[in-house]
Amino acid sequence: MRISELIGDVLNEQISAKGLNYSTFANQAGVTQGYISKIINGEVKSIKLETLEKLVEPLNLSVVEFLNECEKKKTLLISPLLVMN
């Protein structure tokens, strides 16, 4: 899984956990709903730090907390692939 897909998955999970729809979330974050959809679908290859700060604010997360959630998800996805000898 690419990092852009991982960020999209975690963003989608966090939006849902807050009970927000994409339109409301986009308005709160100050971006378009189309941009949110592109992030969630893994179509955005890079996100500026300023934009990431705007995205996590309505989720009541810091950038560090959001990236920690991404790291946790990455670990959960990779763990089943590891084989112990």
N, C-alpha and C. Protein backbone atom coordinates (compact mmCIF):
# COMPACT_ATOMS: atom_id res chain seq x y z
N MET A 1 0.84 -1.18 0.00
CA MET A 1 0.00 0.00 0.00
C MET A 1 0.89 1.24 0.00
N ARG A 2 0.60 2.15 -0.91
CA ARG A 2 1.35 3.40 -0.98
C ARG A 2 0.94 4.31 0.17
N ILE A 3 1.83 5.24 0.53
CA ILE A 3 1.56 6.16 1.62
C ILE A 3 0.33 7.01 1.32
N SER A 4 0.14 7.39 0.06
CA SER A 4 -1.03 8.21 -0.29
C SER A 4 -2.33 7.43 -0.04
N GLU A 5 -2.32 6.13 -0.31
CA GLU A 5 -3.49 5.30 -0.04
C GLU A 5 -3.71 5.15 1.46
N LEU A 6 -2.63 5.02 2.20
CA LEU A 6 -2.70 4.89 3.65
C LEU A 6 -3.29 6.15 4.27
N ILE A 7 -2.81 7.30 3.83
CA ILE A 7 -3.35 8.57 4.33
C ILE A 7 -4.84 8.67 4.00
N GLY A 8 -5.22 8.29 2.80
CA GLY A 8 -6.62 8.32 2.40
C GLY A 8 -7.49 7.42 3.25
N ASP A 9 -7.00 6.21 3.52
CA ASP A 9 -7.75 5.27 4.36
C ASP A 9 -7.94 5.80 5.77
N VAL A 10 -6.87 6.31 6.35
CA VAL A 10 -6.96 6.83 7.72
C VAL A 10 -7.84 8.07 7.76
N LEU A 11 -7.73 8.93 6.77
CA LEU A 11 -8.57 10.12 6.73
C LEU A 11 -10.04 9.71 6.66
N ASN A 12 -10.35 8.76 5.80
CA ASN A 12 -11.72 8.27 5.67
C ASN A 12 -12.23 7.69 6.99
N GLU A 13 -11.41 6.90 7.65
CA GLU A 13 -11.80 6.32 8.95
C GLU A 13 -12.06 7.40 9.99
N GLN A 14 -11.19 8.41 10.02
CA GLN A 14 -11.33 9.48 11.01
C GLN A 14 -12.57 10.34 10.73
N ILE A 15 -12.85 10.60 9.47
CA ILE A 15 -14.05 11.37 9.11
C ILE A 15 -15.30 10.60 9.56
N SER A 16 -15.32 9.31 9.27
CA SER A 16 -16.46 8.47 9.66
C SER A 16 -16.60 8.40 11.17
N ALA A 17 -15.47 8.27 11.87
CA ALA A 17 -15.49 8.17 13.33
C ALA A 17 -16.07 9.43 13.97
N LYS A 18 -15.88 10.57 13.31
CA LYS A 18 -16.43 11.84 13.82
C LYS A 18 -17.88 12.05 13.39
N GLY A 19 -18.40 11.12 12.58
CA GLY A 19 -19.78 11.22 12.13
C GLY A 19 -20.01 12.32 11.10
N LEU A 20 -18.96 12.65 10.37
CA LEU A 20 -19.06 13.71 9.36
C LEU A 20 -19.25 13.13 7.97
N ASN A 21 -19.91 13.87 7.11
CA ASN A 21 -19.91 13.49 5.70
C ASN A 21 -18.81 14.29 5.01
N TYR A 22 -18.49 13.92 3.78
CA TYR A 22 -17.36 14.56 3.09
C TYR A 22 -17.59 16.05 2.87
N SER A 23 -18.81 16.41 2.56
CA SER A 23 -19.12 17.82 2.30
C SER A 23 -18.90 18.67 3.55
N THR A 24 -19.43 18.23 4.66
CA THR A 24 -19.26 18.96 5.92
C THR A 24 -17.79 19.03 6.31
N PHE A 25 -17.12 17.90 6.19
CA PHE A 25 -15.70 17.86 6.54
C PHE A 25 -14.90 18.81 5.65
N ALA A 26 -15.15 18.77 4.36
CA ALA A 26 -14.42 19.63 3.42
C ALA A 26 -14.63 21.10 3.77
N ASN A 27 -15.86 21.47 4.07
CA ASN A 27 -16.14 22.86 4.47
C ASN A 27 -15.38 23.23 5.73
N GLN A 28 -15.37 22.36 6.71
CA GLN A 28 -14.65 22.64 7.96
C GLN A 28 -13.15 22.74 7.74
N ALA A 29 -12.63 21.94 6.81
CA ALA A 29 -11.19 21.93 6.55
C ALA A 29 -10.77 23.03 5.57
N GLY A 30 -11.74 23.63 4.90
CA GLY A 30 -11.41 24.69 3.94
C GLY A 30 -10.86 24.18 2.62
N VAL A 31 -11.29 22.99 2.23
CA VAL A 31 -10.90 22.41 0.94
C VAL A 31 -12.16 21.95 0.22
N THR A 32 -12.02 21.56 -1.02
CA THR A 32 -13.19 21.10 -1.76
C THR A 32 -13.50 19.63 -1.46
N GLN A 33 -14.76 19.28 -1.65
CA GLN A 33 -15.16 17.89 -1.47
C GLN A 33 -14.45 17.00 -2.49
N GLY A 34 -14.23 17.53 -3.69
CA GLY A 34 -13.52 16.77 -4.71
C GLY A 34 -12.10 16.44 -4.29
N TYR A 35 -11.45 17.38 -3.62
CA TYR A 35 -10.08 17.15 -3.14
C TYR A 35 -10.08 16.05 -2.06
N ILE A 36 -11.06 16.09 -1.18
CA ILE A 36 -11.18 15.04 -0.15
C ILE A 36 -11.36 13.69 -0.82
N SER A 37 -12.22 13.62 -1.81
CA SER A 37 -12.45 12.36 -2.53
C SER A 37 -11.17 11.86 -3.18
N LYS A 38 -10.40 12.77 -3.78
CA LYS A 38 -9.14 12.37 -4.41
C LYS A 38 -8.15 11.84 -3.38
N ILE A 39 -8.08 12.46 -2.21
CA ILE A 39 -7.18 11.96 -1.16
C ILE A 39 -7.62 10.57 -0.73
N ILE A 40 -8.90 10.40 -0.47
CA ILE A 40 -9.42 9.12 0.01
C ILE A 40 -9.23 8.02 -1.02
N ASN A 41 -9.30 8.37 -2.27
CA ASN A 41 -9.11 7.38 -3.35
C ASN A 41 -7.65 7.17 -3.71
N GLY A 42 -6.74 7.83 -3.00
CA GLY A 42 -5.31 7.64 -3.25
C GLY A 42 -4.81 8.32 -4.50
N GLU A 43 -5.57 9.28 -5.02
CA GLU A 43 -5.20 9.96 -6.25
C GLU A 43 -4.27 11.15 -6.02
N VAL A 44 -4.15 11.61 -4.78
CA VAL A 44 -3.27 12.73 -4.46
C VAL A 44 -1.94 12.13 -4.02
N LYS A 45 -0.89 12.45 -4.74
CA LYS A 45 0.42 11.84 -4.48
C LYS A 45 1.22 12.54 -3.39
N SER A 46 0.93 13.82 -3.15
CA SER A 46 1.62 14.54 -2.08
C SER A 46 0.67 15.59 -1.50
N ILE A 47 0.84 15.83 -0.22
CA ILE A 47 0.02 16.80 0.48
C ILE A 47 0.96 17.74 1.23
N LYS A 48 0.78 19.03 1.04
CA LYS A 48 1.60 20.01 1.76
C LYS A 48 1.28 19.93 3.25
N LEU A 49 2.26 20.23 4.06
CA LEU A 49 2.07 20.24 5.50
C LEU A 49 0.94 21.18 5.90
N GLU A 50 0.88 22.34 5.26
CA GLU A 50 -0.20 23.30 5.55
C GLU A 50 -1.57 22.68 5.30
N THR A 51 -1.69 21.92 4.23
CA THR A 51 -2.96 21.27 3.90
C THR A 51 -3.27 20.17 4.90
N LEU A 52 -2.28 19.39 5.26
CA LEU A 52 -2.49 18.34 6.25
C LEU A 52 -2.95 18.94 7.58
N GLU A 53 -2.38 20.08 7.95
CA GLU A 53 -2.81 20.76 9.18
C GLU A 53 -4.28 21.15 9.09
N LYS A 54 -4.70 21.64 7.91
CA LYS A 54 -6.10 22.01 7.71
C LYS A 54 -7.01 20.79 7.78
N LEU A 55 -6.53 19.65 7.28
CA LEU A 55 -7.33 18.44 7.25
C LEU A 55 -7.53 17.83 8.63
N VAL A 56 -6.52 17.90 9.47
CA VAL A 56 -6.64 17.24 10.77
C VAL A 56 -7.35 18.11 11.81
N GLU A 57 -7.41 19.41 11.57
CA GLU A 57 -8.04 20.30 12.55
C GLU A 57 -9.49 19.93 12.86
N PRO A 58 -10.36 19.71 11.85
CA PRO A 58 -11.74 19.34 12.16
C PRO A 58 -11.87 17.97 12.84
N LEU A 59 -10.80 17.19 12.77
CA LEU A 59 -10.80 15.87 13.40
C LEU A 59 -10.30 15.93 14.84
N ASN A 60 -9.94 17.14 15.27
CA ASN A 60 -9.38 17.36 16.61
C ASN A 60 -8.12 16.53 16.84
N LEU A 61 -7.31 16.45 15.80
CA LEU A 61 -6.03 15.74 15.86
C LEU A 61 -4.92 16.70 15.47
N SER A 62 -3.73 16.43 15.98
CA SER A 62 -2.55 17.13 15.48
C SER A 62 -2.01 16.34 14.29
N VAL A 63 -1.13 16.93 13.54
CA VAL A 63 -0.50 16.23 12.42
C VAL A 63 0.22 14.98 12.94
N VAL A 64 0.91 15.13 14.07
CA VAL A 64 1.64 13.99 14.64
C VAL A 64 0.68 12.86 15.01
N GLU A 65 -0.44 13.19 15.64
CA GLU A 65 -1.42 12.16 16.00
C GLU A 65 -1.97 11.47 14.76
N PHE A 66 -2.25 12.24 13.73
CA PHE A 66 -2.76 11.66 12.49
C PHE A 66 -1.72 10.72 11.86
N LEU A 67 -0.47 11.17 11.81
CA LEU A 67 0.58 10.32 11.24
C LEU A 67 0.82 9.08 12.09
N ASN A 68 0.64 9.19 13.39
CA ASN A 68 0.74 8.01 14.26
C ASN A 68 -0.36 7.00 13.92
N GLU A 69 -1.56 7.50 13.61
CA GLU A 69 -2.65 6.62 13.19
C GLU A 69 -2.30 5.93 11.87
N CYS A 70 -1.66 6.66 10.98
CA CYS A 70 -1.21 6.07 9.71
C CYS A 70 -0.19 4.97 9.97
N GLU A 71 0.73 5.23 10.88
CA GLU A 71 1.77 4.24 11.22
C GLU A 71 1.15 2.99 11.83
N LYS A 72 0.16 3.16 12.70
CA LYS A 72 -0.53 2.01 13.31
C LYS A 72 -1.20 1.17 12.24
N LYS A 73 -1.88 1.83 11.31
CA LYS A 73 -2.58 1.10 10.25
C LYS A 73 -1.58 0.36 9.37
N LYS A 74 -0.47 1.01 9.06
CA LYS A 74 0.58 0.37 8.24
C LYS A 74 1.08 -0.89 8.94
N THR A 75 1.30 -0.79 10.24
CA THR A 75 1.78 -1.94 11.01
C THR A 75 0.75 -3.07 11.00
N LEU A 76 -0.52 -2.73 11.14
CA LEU A 76 -1.58 -3.75 11.11
C LEU A 76 -1.66 -4.43 9.75
N LEU A 77 -1.41 -3.68 8.69
CA LEU A 77 -1.46 -4.25 7.35
C LEU A 77 -0.27 -5.15 7.06
N ILE A 78 0.89 -4.79 7.62
CA ILE A 78 2.11 -5.54 7.35
C ILE A 78 2.24 -6.76 8.25
N SER A 79 1.78 -6.67 9.48
CA SER A 79 1.94 -7.74 10.46
C SER A 79 1.56 -9.13 9.96
N PRO A 80 0.40 -9.29 9.32
CA PRO A 80 0.05 -10.64 8.84
C PRO A 80 1.00 -11.18 7.78
N LEU A 81 1.75 -10.29 7.14
CA LEU A 81 2.66 -10.72 6.08
C LEU A 81 4.00 -11.21 6.62
N LEU A 82 4.26 -10.89 7.88
CA LEU A 82 5.53 -11.30 8.48
C LEU A 82 5.45 -12.76 8.91
N VAL A 83 6.48 -13.49 8.60
CA VAL A 83 6.50 -14.91 8.95
C VAL A 83 7.59 -15.12 9.99
N MET A 84 7.23 -15.73 11.08
CA MET A 84 8.21 -16.02 12.13
C MET A 84 8.88 -17.36 11.82
N ASN A 85 10.20 -17.41 11.95
CA ASN A 85 10.95 -18.65 11.73
C ASN A 85 11.20 -19.37 13.02
